[in-house]
Amino acid sequence: MPVSYAIEFQVVPGKREEFLERLCEVLDAMKVETTYCEAVLHQDPTSENHFMLYETWDNHDDVVNVQLNRPYRHAWHDALPRILANERKIGVWEPIRADPKRSPKTR
């Protein structure tokens, strides 16, 4: 069953560029994973150091047991204590409805 994660980050002032660089490396690498669906990175319009990442994957067990242990994630995980002001807030969600916008041609 698909699962989505809403992950909130508060970045230490002065570490924003490193945060974005390291996170974008992970996002680029995970796009080729077979169980990956999508990811959207959001920034709080009132705080340049407050972010929310929304990820959707096909399988929660695969995320926990395989994806989180991928070698391309090691540098990211190692840097988090230094670049985040506090622990990530991670919410796990199961979709029950999706309403994508369709172009007039596909209706």
C-alpha atoms as a PDB file:
ATOM      1  CA  MET A   1       0.000   0.000   0.000  1.00  0.00           C
ATOM      2  CA  PRO A   2       1.382   3.480  -0.817  1.00  0.00           C
ATOM      3  CA  VAL A   3       2.537   5.607   2.080  1.00  0.00           C
ATOM      4  CA  SER A   4       3.370   9.293   2.335  1.00  0.00           C
ATOM      5  CA  TYR A   5       5.713  11.028   4.742  1.00  0.00           C
ATOM      6  CA  ALA A   6       5.443  14.658   5.804  1.00  0.00           C
ATOM      7  CA  ILE A   7       8.825  15.623   7.240  1.00  0.00           C
ATOM      8  CA  GLU A   8       9.370  19.026   8.841  1.00  0.00           C
ATOM      9  CA  PHE A   9      12.847  20.537   9.185  1.00  0.00           C
ATOM     10  CA  GLN A  10      14.063  23.592  11.099  1.00  0.00           C
ATOM     11  CA  VAL A  11      17.525  24.412   9.760  1.00  0.00           C
ATOM     12  CA  VAL A  12      20.222  26.146  11.785  1.00  0.00           C
ATOM     13  CA  PRO A  13      20.735  29.729  10.504  1.00  0.00           C
ATOM     14  CA  GLY A  14      23.708  29.748   8.169  1.00  0.00           C
ATOM     15  CA  LYS A  15      23.272  26.072   7.227  1.00  0.00           C
ATOM     16  CA  ARG A  16      20.452  26.542   4.702  1.00  0.00           C
ATOM     17  CA  GLU A  17      22.609  26.080   1.589  1.00  0.00           C
ATOM     18  CA  GLU A  18      24.263  22.948   2.959  1.00  0.00           C
ATOM     19  CA  PHE A  19      20.849  21.567   3.944  1.00  0.00           C
ATOM     20  CA  LEU A  20      19.453  22.134   0.442  1.00  0.00           C
ATOM     21  CA  GLU A  21      22.558  20.778  -1.283  1.00  0.00           C
ATOM     22  CA  ARG A  22      22.611  17.571   0.758  1.00  0.00           C
ATOM     23  CA  LEU A  23      18.857  17.039   0.560  1.00  0.00           C
ATOM     24  CA  CYS A  24      18.779  17.615  -3.206  1.00  0.00           C
ATOM     25  CA  GLU A  25      21.524  14.995  -3.636  1.00  0.00           C
ATOM     26  CA  VAL A  26      19.307  12.467  -1.830  1.00  0.00           C
ATOM     27  CA  LEU A  27      16.183  13.509  -3.746  1.00  0.00           C
ATOM     28  CA  ASP A  28      18.001  13.161  -7.071  1.00  0.00           C
ATOM     29  CA  ALA A  29      19.375   9.738  -6.134  1.00  0.00           C
ATOM     30  CA  MET A  30      16.105   8.278  -4.862  1.00  0.00           C
ATOM     31  CA  LYS A  31      14.191   9.112  -8.066  1.00  0.00           C
ATOM     32  CA  VAL A  32      15.467   5.905  -9.656  1.00  0.00           C
ATOM     33  CA  GLU A  33      14.224   3.631  -6.858  1.00  0.00           C
ATOM     34  CA  THR A  34      11.476   1.299  -8.052  1.00  0.00           C
ATOM     35  CA  THR A  35       9.205   1.968  -5.048  1.00  0.00           C
ATOM     36  CA  TYR A  36       9.547   5.777  -5.252  1.00  0.00           C
ATOM     37  CA  CYS A  37       6.453   7.735  -6.351  1.00  0.00           C
ATOM     38  CA  GLU A  38       7.134  11.427  -5.754  1.00  0.00           C
ATOM     39  CA  ALA A  39       8.622  14.051  -3.470  1.00  0.00           C
ATOM     40  CA  VAL A  40       7.772  17.722  -3.042  1.00  0.00           C
ATOM     41  CA  LEU A  41       9.931  20.092  -0.999  1.00  0.00           C
ATOM     42  CA  HIS A  42       8.171  23.094   0.513  1.00  0.00           C
ATOM     43  CA  GLN A  43       9.566  26.215   2.207  1.00  0.00           C
ATOM     44  CA  ASP A  44       7.700  28.199   4.839  1.00  0.00           C
ATOM     45  CA  PRO A  45       7.031  31.600   3.237  1.00  0.00           C
ATOM     46  CA  THR A  46       7.644  33.280   6.598  1.00  0.00           C
ATOM     47  CA  SER A  47      10.946  31.518   7.422  1.00  0.00           C
ATOM     48  CA  GLU A  48      13.749  30.705   5.011  1.00  0.00           C
ATOM     49  CA  ASN A  49      15.037  27.985   7.365  1.00  0.00           C
ATOM     50  CA  HIS A  50      11.775  26.077   7.834  1.00  0.00           C
ATOM     51  CA  PHE A  51      11.009  23.303   5.332  1.00  0.00           C
ATOM     52  CA  MET A  52       8.540  20.484   4.795  1.00  0.00           C
ATOM     53  CA  LEU A  53       9.257  17.508   2.574  1.00  0.00           C
ATOM     54  CA  TYR A  54       6.380  15.391   1.314  1.00  0.00           C
ATOM     55  CA  GLU A  55       7.401  11.959  -0.042  1.00  0.00           C
ATOM     56  CA  THR A  56       5.270   9.129  -1.362  1.00  0.00           C
ATOM     57  CA  TRP A  57       6.514   5.562  -1.743  1.00  0.00           C
ATOM     58  CA  ASP A  58       4.827   2.307  -2.744  1.00  0.00           C
ATOM     59  CA  ASN A  59       5.712   0.403   0.420  1.00  0.00           C
ATOM     60  CA  HIS A  60       6.453   1.452   4.015  1.00  0.00           C
ATOM     61  CA  ASP A  61       8.434  -1.711   4.850  1.00  0.00           C
ATOM     62  CA  ASP A  62      10.706  -1.088   1.856  1.00  0.00           C
ATOM     63  CA  VAL A  63      11.316   2.493   3.010  1.00  0.00           C
ATOM     64  CA  VAL A  64      12.199   1.442   6.553  1.00  0.00           C
ATOM     65  CA  ASN A  65      14.208  -1.681   5.746  1.00  0.00           C
ATOM     66  CA  VAL A  66      15.831  -0.777   2.413  1.00  0.00           C
ATOM     67  CA  GLN A  67      15.561   2.871   1.352  1.00  0.00           C
ATOM     68  CA  LEU A  68      16.690   4.480   4.609  1.00  0.00           C
ATOM     69  CA  ASN A  69      19.854   2.354   4.473  1.00  0.00           C
ATOM     70  CA  ARG A  70      20.890   3.254   0.926  1.00  0.00           C
ATOM     71  CA  PRO A  71      24.548   4.409   0.740  1.00  0.00           C
ATOM     72  CA  TYR A  72      23.556   7.738  -0.860  1.00  0.00           C
ATOM     73  CA  ARG A  73      21.747   8.654   2.371  1.00  0.00           C
ATOM     74  CA  HIS A  74      24.748   8.256   4.718  1.00  0.00           C
ATOM     75  CA  ALA A  75      26.213  11.752   4.283  1.00  0.00           C
ATOM     76  CA  TRP A  76      22.718  13.247   4.662  1.00  0.00           C
ATOM     77  CA  HIS A  77      21.997  11.405   7.907  1.00  0.00           C
ATOM     78  CA  ASP A  78      25.467  12.178   9.279  1.00  0.00           C
ATOM     79  CA  ALA A  79      24.985  15.919   8.617  1.00  0.00           C
ATOM     80  CA  LEU A  80      21.534  16.261  10.212  1.00  0.00           C
ATOM     81  CA  PRO A  81      22.656  16.805  13.833  1.00  0.00           C
ATOM     82  CA  ARG A  82      24.873  19.664  12.652  1.00  0.00           C
ATOM     83  CA  ILE A  83      22.485  21.383  10.227  1.00  0.00           C
ATOM     84  CA  LEU A  84      19.138  21.017  12.004  1.00  0.00           C
ATOM     85  CA  ALA A  85      18.088  23.182  14.944  1.00  0.00           C
ATOM     86  CA  ASN A  86      15.999  20.307  16.359  1.00  0.00           C
ATOM     87  CA  GLU A  87      14.794  16.809  15.535  1.00  0.00           C
ATOM     88  CA  ARG A  88      12.817  16.279  12.352  1.00  0.00           C
ATOM     89  CA  LYS A  89       9.071  15.937  12.774  1.00  0.00           C
ATOM     90  CA  ILE A  90       7.984  12.931  10.712  1.00  0.00           C
ATOM     91  CA  GLY A  91       4.382  12.085   9.993  1.00  0.00           C
ATOM     92  CA  VAL A  92       3.379   8.870   8.238  1.00  0.00           C
ATOM     93  CA  TRP A  93       0.178   8.976   6.167  1.00  0.00           C
ATOM     94  CA  GLU A  94      -1.761   6.476   4.082  1.00  0.00           C
ATOM     95  CA  PRO A  95      -3.633   7.959   1.111  1.00  0.00           C
ATOM     96  CA  ILE A  96      -7.354   7.326   0.900  1.00  0.00           C
ATOM     97  CA  ARG A  97      -8.169   9.574  -2.073  1.00  0.00           C
ATOM     98  CA  ALA A  98      -6.289  11.391  -4.837  1.00  0.00           C
ATOM     99  CA  ASP A  99      -7.679  14.069  -7.140  1.00  0.00           C
ATOM    100  CA  PRO A 100      -5.031  15.008  -9.707  1.00  0.00           C
ATOM    101  CA  LYS A 101      -5.842  17.754 -12.160  1.00  0.00           C
ATOM    102  CA  ARG A 102      -6.282  16.394 -15.644  1.00  0.00           C
ATOM    103  CA  SER A 103      -5.777  18.288 -18.831  1.00  0.00           C
ATOM    104  CA  PRO A 104      -8.845  18.702 -21.111  1.00  0.00           C
ATOM    105  CA  LYS A 105      -7.297  16.212 -23.575  1.00  0.00           C
ATOM    106  CA  THR A 106      -7.301  13.349 -21.038  1.00  0.00           C
ATOM    107  CA  ARG A 107     -10.890  13.710 -19.801  1.00  0.00           C
END
